[in-house]
Amino acid sequence: MTDFKWRHFQGDVILWAVRWYCRYP
């Protein structure tokens, strides 16, 4: 369960990073 939670959190962080990168190149 912890691994699944961590993976979901990691994916969320990556998504945020991509959005910020696209917004401020």
PDB file of N, CA and C in Angstrom:
ATOM      1  N   MET A   1       0.836  -1.199   0.000  1.00  0.00           N
ATOM      2  CA  MET A   1       0.000   0.000   0.000  1.00  0.00           C
ATOM      3  C   MET A   1       0.879   1.262   0.000  1.00  0.00           C
ATOM      4  N   THR A   2       1.942   1.204   0.778  1.00  0.00           N
ATOM      5  CA  THR A   2       2.814   2.377   0.839  1.00  0.00           C
ATOM      6  C   THR A   2       3.464   2.635  -0.518  1.00  0.00           C
ATOM      7  N   ASP A   3       3.878   1.558  -1.189  1.00  0.00           N
ATOM      8  CA  ASP A   3       4.526   1.716  -2.487  1.00  0.00           C
ATOM      9  C   ASP A   3       3.568   2.365  -3.478  1.00  0.00           C
ATOM     10  N   PHE A   4       2.315   1.907  -3.477  1.00  0.00           N
ATOM     11  CA  PHE A   4       1.325   2.485  -4.395  1.00  0.00           C
ATOM     12  C   PHE A   4       1.130   3.972  -4.102  1.00  0.00           C
ATOM     13  N   LYS A   5       1.043   4.301  -2.804  1.00  0.00           N
ATOM     14  CA  LYS A   5       0.848   5.698  -2.418  1.00  0.00           C
ATOM     15  C   LYS A   5       2.045   6.538  -2.874  1.00  0.00           C
ATOM     16  N   TRP A   6       3.239   6.017  -2.674  1.00  0.00           N
ATOM     17  CA  TRP A   6       4.449   6.760  -3.052  1.00  0.00           C
ATOM     18  C   TRP A   6       4.497   6.967  -4.558  1.00  0.00           C
ATOM     19  N   ARG A   7       4.138   5.899  -5.305  1.00  0.00           N
ATOM     20  CA  ARG A   7       4.178   6.023  -6.763  1.00  0.00           C
ATOM     21  C   ARG A   7       3.169   7.066  -7.230  1.00  0.00           C
ATOM     22  N   HIS A   8       1.993   7.075  -6.633  1.00  0.00           N
ATOM     23  CA  HIS A   8       0.975   8.056  -7.018  1.00  0.00           C
ATOM     24  C   HIS A   8       1.474   9.469  -6.715  1.00  0.00           C
ATOM     25  N   PHE A   9       2.093   9.631  -5.533  1.00  0.00           N
ATOM     26  CA  PHE A   9       2.616  10.942  -5.142  1.00  0.00           C
ATOM     27  C   PHE A   9       3.715  11.379  -6.112  1.00  0.00           C
ATOM     28  N   GLN A  10       4.589  10.434  -6.474  1.00  0.00           N
ATOM     29  CA  GLN A  10       5.674  10.754  -7.393  1.00  0.00           C
ATOM     30  C   GLN A  10       5.105  11.209  -8.733  1.00  0.00           C
ATOM     31  N   GLY A  11       4.091  10.498  -9.233  1.00  0.00           N
ATOM     32  CA  GLY A  11       3.487  10.872 -10.515  1.00  0.00           C
ATOM     33  C   GLY A  11       2.875  12.262 -10.436  1.00  0.00           C
ATOM     34  N   ASP A  12       2.252  12.585  -9.301  1.00  0.00           N
ATOM     35  CA  ASP A  12       1.652  13.903  -9.136  1.00  0.00           C
ATOM     36  C   ASP A  12       2.728  14.980  -9.184  1.00  0.00           C
ATOM     37  N   VAL A  13       3.837  14.737  -8.516  1.00  0.00           N
ATOM     38  CA  VAL A  13       4.930  15.712  -8.494  1.00  0.00           C
ATOM     39  C   VAL A  13       5.481  15.913  -9.902  1.00  0.00           C
ATOM     40  N   ILE A  14       5.652  14.820 -10.635  1.00  0.00           N
ATOM     41  CA  ILE A  14       6.168  14.916 -12.004  1.00  0.00           C
ATOM     42  C   ILE A  14       5.208  15.735 -12.858  1.00  0.00           C
ATOM     43  N   LEU A  15       3.907  15.480 -12.696  1.00  0.00           N
ATOM     44  CA  LEU A  15       2.917  16.224 -13.479  1.00  0.00           C
ATOM     45  C   LEU A  15       3.011  17.717 -13.176  1.00  0.00           C
ATOM     46  N   TRP A  16       3.145  18.067 -11.889  1.00  0.00           N
ATOM     47  CA  TRP A  16       3.265  19.476 -11.510  1.00  0.00           C
ATOM     48  C   TRP A  16       4.524  20.095 -12.118  1.00  0.00           C
ATOM     49  N   ALA A  17       5.623  19.336 -12.082  1.00  0.00           N
ATOM     50  CA  ALA A  17       6.886  19.853 -12.626  1.00  0.00           C
ATOM     51  C   ALA A  17       6.747  20.121 -14.119  1.00  0.00           C
ATOM     52  N   VAL A  18       6.101  19.200 -14.819  1.00  0.00           N
ATOM     53  CA  VAL A  18       5.917  19.373 -16.270  1.00  0.00           C
ATOM     54  C   VAL A  18       5.053  20.600 -16.543  1.00  0.00           C
ATOM     55  N   ARG A  19       4.007  20.786 -15.758  1.00  0.00           N
ATOM     56  CA  ARG A  19       3.125  21.937 -15.970  1.00  0.00           C
ATOM     57  C   ARG A  19       3.880  23.239 -15.734  1.00  0.00           C
ATOM     58  N   TRP A  20       4.673  23.279 -14.665  1.00  0.00           N
ATOM     59  CA  TRP A  20       5.448  24.485 -14.379  1.00  0.00           C
ATOM     60  C   TRP A  20       6.473  24.738 -15.489  1.00  0.00           C
ATOM     61  N   TYR A  21       7.101  23.656 -15.971  1.00  0.00           N
ATOM     62  CA  TYR A  21       8.115  23.803 -17.015  1.00  0.00           C
ATOM     63  C   TYR A  21       7.484  24.344 -18.295  1.00  0.00           C
ATOM     64  N   CYS A  22       6.278  23.841 -18.604  1.00  0.00           N
ATOM     65  CA  CYS A  22       5.599  24.298 -19.827  1.00  0.00           C
ATOM     66  C   CYS A  22       5.119  25.740 -19.656  1.00  0.00           C
ATOM     67  N   ARG A  23       4.773  26.100 -18.444  1.00  0.00           N
ATOM     68  CA  ARG A  23       4.249  27.442 -18.208  1.00  0.00           C
ATOM     69  C   ARG A  23       5.372  28.471 -18.204  1.00  0.00           C
ATOM     70  N   TYR A  24       6.494  28.096 -17.589  1.00  0.00           N
ATOM     71  CA  TYR A  24       7.634  29.020 -17.535  1.00  0.00           C
ATOM     72  C   TYR A  24       8.863  28.358 -18.165  1.00  0.00           C
ATOM     73  N   PRO A  25       8.989  28.472 -19.470  1.00  0.00           N
ATOM     74  CA  PRO A  25      10.136  27.838 -20.166  1.00  0.00           C
ATOM     75  C   PRO A  25      11.444  28.608 -19.942  1.00  0.00           C
TER      76      PRO A  25
END
